[in-house]
Amino acid sequence: MNNYEQVLVALRRVIRATDLHSKRLSKHAGLTGPQLLIMRSIRDLGEVTIGTIADKVSLSQATVTTILDRLEHRKLIYRVRSTRDKRKVHAHLTEEGVAILDRAPQPLQEEFIRKFQSLHEWEQTMIIASLQRVANMMDADDIDASPVLDVGPVLREDGWRETGGGQ
């Protein structure tokens, strides 16, 4: 196998691992990766505004609002207007939301982060540079992305665009 074929096989494995994890998450918890990350942020941060959630998960406020709408429709979260500042809305988990979160698998990126952080700094830098170069070679520099390993139709369900845009 020549070099470019090895790169393509490695990329396909990454895509496939991400896809399989997304399907497992959907099957076991009925959630998408972004939904899980947002719910975990709500749990971890306590009384939290949509802007703070958006910053935490590196998504636009519009995208977070769309995902929160879906989660609220499923009665997994609820929103309350702040009594101190009427401009702010705080998100909270429902009991059902907490239960689903407790049984949901860990996001794929958490295991990746743990392993990545155990590498030497020079290895991390080499991986970053290589992947940025691959993204550039695939004309993916302008694709809006956040640090969430998730793929496929899940993106559209949560208001994400697969190419460009802030949603």
C-alpha atoms as a PDB file:
ATOM      1  CA  MET A   1       0.000   0.000   0.000  1.00  0.00           C
ATOM      2  CA  ASN A   2       1.465   3.370  -0.952  1.00  0.00           C
ATOM      3  CA  ASN A   3       1.566   6.435   1.300  1.00  0.00           C
ATOM      4  CA  TYR A   4      -1.553   8.191   0.071  1.00  0.00           C
ATOM      5  CA  GLU A   5      -3.550   4.965   0.415  1.00  0.00           C
ATOM      6  CA  GLN A   6      -2.348   4.620   4.012  1.00  0.00           C
ATOM      7  CA  VAL A   7      -3.521   8.181   4.721  1.00  0.00           C
ATOM      8  CA  LEU A   8      -6.921   7.505   3.161  1.00  0.00           C
ATOM      9  CA  VAL A   9      -7.321   4.265   5.139  1.00  0.00           C
ATOM     10  CA  ALA A  10      -6.407   6.067   8.385  1.00  0.00           C
ATOM     11  CA  LEU A  11      -8.908   8.851   7.610  1.00  0.00           C
ATOM     12  CA  ARG A  12     -11.596   6.283   6.841  1.00  0.00           C
ATOM     13  CA  ARG A  13     -10.910   4.563  10.183  1.00  0.00           C
ATOM     14  CA  VAL A  14     -11.302   7.866  12.041  1.00  0.00           C
ATOM     15  CA  ILE A  15     -14.561   8.597  10.220  1.00  0.00           C
ATOM     16  CA  ARG A  16     -15.836   5.065  10.858  1.00  0.00           C
ATOM     17  CA  ALA A  17     -14.925   5.133  14.576  1.00  0.00           C
ATOM     18  CA  THR A  18     -16.738   8.445  14.924  1.00  0.00           C
ATOM     19  CA  ASP A  19     -19.780   7.126  13.069  1.00  0.00           C
ATOM     20  CA  LEU A  20     -19.941   3.936  15.160  1.00  0.00           C
ATOM     21  CA  HIS A  21     -19.693   5.900  18.405  1.00  0.00           C
ATOM     22  CA  SER A  22     -22.438   8.293  17.259  1.00  0.00           C
ATOM     23  CA  LYS A  23     -24.713   5.348  16.475  1.00  0.00           C
ATOM     24  CA  ARG A  24     -23.953   3.727  19.854  1.00  0.00           C
ATOM     25  CA  LEU A  25     -24.734   7.000  21.627  1.00  0.00           C
ATOM     26  CA  SER A  26     -27.999   7.366  19.734  1.00  0.00           C
ATOM     27  CA  LYS A  27     -28.981   3.742  20.428  1.00  0.00           C
ATOM     28  CA  HIS A  28     -28.158   3.729  24.150  1.00  0.00           C
ATOM     29  CA  ALA A  29     -29.165   7.249  25.137  1.00  0.00           C
ATOM     30  CA  GLY A  30     -31.243   8.560  22.240  1.00  0.00           C
ATOM     31  CA  LEU A  31     -28.933  11.571  22.050  1.00  0.00           C
ATOM     32  CA  THR A  32     -26.593  13.087  19.521  1.00  0.00           C
ATOM     33  CA  GLY A  33     -23.045  14.046  20.468  1.00  0.00           C
ATOM     34  CA  PRO A  34     -23.824  17.777  20.620  1.00  0.00           C
ATOM     35  CA  GLN A  35     -26.940  17.113  22.714  1.00  0.00           C
ATOM     36  CA  LEU A  36     -24.879  15.039  25.145  1.00  0.00           C
ATOM     37  CA  LEU A  37     -22.179  17.706  25.432  1.00  0.00           C
ATOM     38  CA  ILE A  38     -24.726  20.439  26.064  1.00  0.00           C
ATOM     39  CA  MET A  39     -26.522  18.375  28.713  1.00  0.00           C
ATOM     40  CA  ARG A  40     -23.211  17.593  30.404  1.00  0.00           C
ATOM     41  CA  SER A  41     -22.324  21.288  30.378  1.00  0.00           C
ATOM     42  CA  ILE A  42     -25.639  22.121  32.031  1.00  0.00           C
ATOM     43  CA  ARG A  43     -24.984  19.473  34.680  1.00  0.00           C
ATOM     44  CA  ASP A  44     -21.376  20.497  35.281  1.00  0.00           C
ATOM     45  CA  LEU A  45     -21.893  24.261  35.304  1.00  0.00           C
ATOM     46  CA  GLY A  46     -25.114  24.420  37.329  1.00  0.00           C
ATOM     47  CA  GLU A  47     -27.357  27.415  36.672  1.00  0.00           C
ATOM     48  CA  VAL A  48     -26.008  28.356  33.262  1.00  0.00           C
ATOM     49  CA  THR A  49     -26.912  30.740  30.450  1.00  0.00           C
ATOM     50  CA  ILE A  50     -27.127  29.776  26.797  1.00  0.00           C
ATOM     51  CA  GLY A  51     -24.101  31.993  26.053  1.00  0.00           C
ATOM     52  CA  THR A  52     -21.997  30.186  28.642  1.00  0.00           C
ATOM     53  CA  ILE A  53     -23.047  26.806  27.220  1.00  0.00           C
ATOM     54  CA  ALA A  54     -22.169  27.981  23.698  1.00  0.00           C
ATOM     55  CA  ASP A  55     -18.709  29.081  24.866  1.00  0.00           C
ATOM     56  CA  LYS A  56     -18.141  25.802  26.731  1.00  0.00           C
ATOM     57  CA  VAL A  57     -19.017  23.562  23.753  1.00  0.00           C
ATOM     58  CA  SER A  58     -17.645  25.888  21.032  1.00  0.00           C
ATOM     59  CA  LEU A  59     -20.939  26.290  19.174  1.00  0.00           C
ATOM     60  CA  SER A  60     -22.902  29.371  18.206  1.00  0.00           C
ATOM     61  CA  GLN A  61     -25.681  30.548  20.509  1.00  0.00           C
ATOM     62  CA  ALA A  62     -28.151  29.956  17.665  1.00  0.00           C
ATOM     63  CA  THR A  63     -27.063  26.317  17.365  1.00  0.00           C
ATOM     64  CA  VAL A  64     -27.213  25.802  21.134  1.00  0.00           C
ATOM     65  CA  THR A  65     -30.689  27.346  21.215  1.00  0.00           C
ATOM     66  CA  THR A  66     -31.866  24.971  18.472  1.00  0.00           C
ATOM     67  CA  ILE A  67     -30.475  21.976  20.365  1.00  0.00           C
ATOM     68  CA  LEU A  68     -32.010  23.208  23.635  1.00  0.00           C
ATOM     69  CA  ASP A  69     -35.378  23.522  21.860  1.00  0.00           C
ATOM     70  CA  ARG A  70     -35.150  19.845  20.905  1.00  0.00           C
ATOM     71  CA  LEU A  71     -34.056  18.797  24.397  1.00  0.00           C
ATOM     72  CA  GLU A  72     -36.839  20.847  25.985  1.00  0.00           C
ATOM     73  CA  HIS A  73     -39.385  19.306  23.602  1.00  0.00           C
ATOM     74  CA  ARG A  74     -38.205  15.875  24.831  1.00  0.00           C
ATOM     75  CA  LYS A  75     -38.516  17.115  28.447  1.00  0.00           C
ATOM     76  CA  LEU A  76     -34.811  16.574  29.153  1.00  0.00           C
ATOM     77  CA  ILE A  77     -34.117  20.214  30.021  1.00  0.00           C
ATOM     78  CA  TYR A  78     -36.108  23.277  30.988  1.00  0.00           C
ATOM     79  CA  ARG A  79     -35.294  26.976  30.782  1.00  0.00           C
ATOM     80  CA  VAL A  80     -36.047  29.686  33.328  1.00  0.00           C
ATOM     81  CA  ARG A  81     -35.692  33.438  32.916  1.00  0.00           C
ATOM     82  CA  SER A  82     -33.342  34.950  35.503  1.00  0.00           C
ATOM     83  CA  THR A  83     -35.055  36.820  38.318  1.00  0.00           C
ATOM     84  CA  ARG A  84     -32.015  39.126  38.662  1.00  0.00           C
ATOM     85  CA  ASP A  85     -31.548  39.912  34.961  1.00  0.00           C
ATOM     86  CA  LYS A  86     -34.594  39.382  32.741  1.00  0.00           C
ATOM     87  CA  ARG A  87     -32.364  39.303  29.636  1.00  0.00           C
ATOM     88  CA  LYS A  88     -30.762  36.037  30.784  1.00  0.00           C
ATOM     89  CA  VAL A  89     -32.242  32.564  30.493  1.00  0.00           C
ATOM     90  CA  HIS A  90     -30.837  29.656  32.491  1.00  0.00           C
ATOM     91  CA  ALA A  91     -30.986  26.013  31.391  1.00  0.00           C
ATOM     92  CA  HIS A  92     -31.528  23.152  33.835  1.00  0.00           C
ATOM     93  CA  LEU A  93     -31.769  19.368  33.488  1.00  0.00           C
ATOM     94  CA  THR A  94     -35.016  17.615  34.279  1.00  0.00           C
ATOM     95  CA  GLU A  95     -35.003  14.396  36.325  1.00  0.00           C
ATOM     96  CA  GLU A  96     -35.370  12.457  33.074  1.00  0.00           C
ATOM     97  CA  GLY A  97     -32.469  14.428  31.611  1.00  0.00           C
ATOM     98  CA  VAL A  98     -30.266  13.511  34.576  1.00  0.00           C
ATOM     99  CA  ALA A  99     -31.251   9.834  34.237  1.00  0.00           C
ATOM    100  CA  ILE A 100     -30.441   9.735  30.509  1.00  0.00           C
ATOM    101  CA  LEU A 101     -27.152  11.515  31.110  1.00  0.00           C
ATOM    102  CA  ASP A 102     -26.201   9.014  33.817  1.00  0.00           C
ATOM    103  CA  ARG A 103     -26.591   6.072  31.442  1.00  0.00           C
ATOM    104  CA  ALA A 104     -25.119   7.723  28.352  1.00  0.00           C
ATOM    105  CA  PRO A 105     -21.678   6.607  27.166  1.00  0.00           C
ATOM    106  CA  GLN A 106     -18.783   9.033  27.420  1.00  0.00           C
ATOM    107  CA  PRO A 107     -18.298  11.261  24.372  1.00  0.00           C
ATOM    108  CA  LEU A 108     -15.705   9.817  22.011  1.00  0.00           C
ATOM    109  CA  GLN A 109     -13.501  12.884  22.300  1.00  0.00           C
ATOM    110  CA  GLU A 110     -13.025  12.377  26.056  1.00  0.00           C
ATOM    111  CA  GLU A 111     -11.052   9.173  25.537  1.00  0.00           C
ATOM    112  CA  PHE A 112      -9.182  10.824  22.689  1.00  0.00           C
ATOM    113  CA  ILE A 113      -8.345  13.858  24.858  1.00  0.00           C
ATOM    114  CA  ARG A 114      -7.035  11.633  27.646  1.00  0.00           C
ATOM    115  CA  LYS A 115      -4.754   9.751  25.253  1.00  0.00           C
ATOM    116  CA  PHE A 116      -3.698  12.883  23.362  1.00  0.00           C
ATOM    117  CA  GLN A 117      -2.739  14.684  26.571  1.00  0.00           C
ATOM    118  CA  SER A 118      -0.524  11.757  27.564  1.00  0.00           C
ATOM    119  CA  LEU A 119       1.636  12.313  24.468  1.00  0.00           C
ATOM    120  CA  HIS A 120       4.786  14.420  24.519  1.00  0.00           C
ATOM    121  CA  GLU A 121       4.276  18.021  23.453  1.00  0.00           C
ATOM    122  CA  TRP A 122       6.269  17.490  20.242  1.00  0.00           C
ATOM    123  CA  GLU A 123       3.981  14.576  19.295  1.00  0.00           C
ATOM    124  CA  GLN A 124       0.886  16.697  19.946  1.00  0.00           C
ATOM    125  CA  THR A 125       2.282  19.512  17.807  1.00  0.00           C
ATOM    126  CA  MET A 126       3.142  17.095  15.007  1.00  0.00           C
ATOM    127  CA  ILE A 127      -0.377  15.628  15.007  1.00  0.00           C
ATOM    128  CA  ILE A 128      -1.979  19.078  15.014  1.00  0.00           C
ATOM    129  CA  ALA A 129       0.162  20.281  12.114  1.00  0.00           C
ATOM    130  CA  SER A 130      -0.470  17.102  10.118  1.00  0.00           C
ATOM    131  CA  LEU A 131      -4.230  17.184  10.599  1.00  0.00           C
ATOM    132  CA  GLN A 132      -4.430  20.877   9.786  1.00  0.00           C
ATOM    133  CA  ARG A 133      -2.496  20.160   6.597  1.00  0.00           C
ATOM    134  CA  VAL A 134      -4.848  17.269   5.716  1.00  0.00           C
ATOM    135  CA  ALA A 135      -7.885  19.504   6.302  1.00  0.00           C
ATOM    136  CA  ASN A 136      -6.323  22.107   4.019  1.00  0.00           C
ATOM    137  CA  MET A 137      -5.627  19.483   1.336  1.00  0.00           C
ATOM    138  CA  MET A 138      -9.300  18.473   1.509  1.00  0.00           C
ATOM    139  CA  ASP A 139     -10.390  22.113   1.020  1.00  0.00           C
ATOM    140  CA  ALA A 140     -11.927  22.017   4.507  1.00  0.00           C
ATOM    141  CA  ASP A 141     -10.386  25.218   5.884  1.00  0.00           C
ATOM    142  CA  ASP A 142     -13.669  27.127   5.719  1.00  0.00           C
ATOM    143  CA  ILE A 143     -15.876  24.417   7.194  1.00  0.00           C
ATOM    144  CA  ASP A 144     -17.320  25.479  10.547  1.00  0.00           C
ATOM    145  CA  ALA A 145     -16.413  22.908  13.170  1.00  0.00           C
ATOM    146  CA  SER A 146     -16.332  22.528  16.915  1.00  0.00           C
ATOM    147  CA  PRO A 147     -14.361  20.063  19.050  1.00  0.00           C
ATOM    148  CA  VAL A 148     -17.171  17.489  18.939  1.00  0.00           C
ATOM    149  CA  LEU A 149     -16.538  14.141  17.287  1.00  0.00           C
ATOM    150  CA  ASP A 150     -19.844  13.513  15.582  1.00  0.00           C
ATOM    151  CA  VAL A 151     -20.901  12.787  12.002  1.00  0.00           C
ATOM    152  CA  GLY A 152     -23.641  12.327   9.464  1.00  0.00           C
ATOM    153  CA  PRO A 153     -27.296  13.236   9.644  1.00  0.00           C
ATOM    154  CA  VAL A 154     -26.874  13.970  13.337  1.00  0.00           C
ATOM    155  CA  LEU A 155     -25.440  17.333  12.281  1.00  0.00           C
ATOM    156  CA  ARG A 156     -28.569  18.323  10.418  1.00  0.00           C
ATOM    157  CA  GLU A 157     -30.860  17.168  13.243  1.00  0.00           C
ATOM    158  CA  ASP A 158     -29.155  19.580  15.597  1.00  0.00           C
ATOM    159  CA  GLY A 159     -29.156  22.485  13.199  1.00  0.00           C
ATOM    160  CA  TRP A 160     -25.524  22.068  12.193  1.00  0.00           C
ATOM    161  CA  ARG A 161     -24.439  22.615   8.655  1.00  0.00           C
ATOM    162  CA  GLU A 162     -21.936  20.242   7.212  1.00  0.00           C
ATOM    163  CA  THR A 163     -20.267  23.034   5.264  1.00  0.00           C
ATOM    164  CA  GLY A 164     -19.764  26.571   6.429  1.00  0.00           C
ATOM    165  CA  GLY A 165     -22.114  28.756   8.407  1.00  0.00           C
ATOM    166  CA  GLY A 166     -22.383  29.349  12.110  1.00  0.00           C
ATOM    167  CA  GLN A 167     -25.091  26.816  12.747  1.00  0.00           C
END
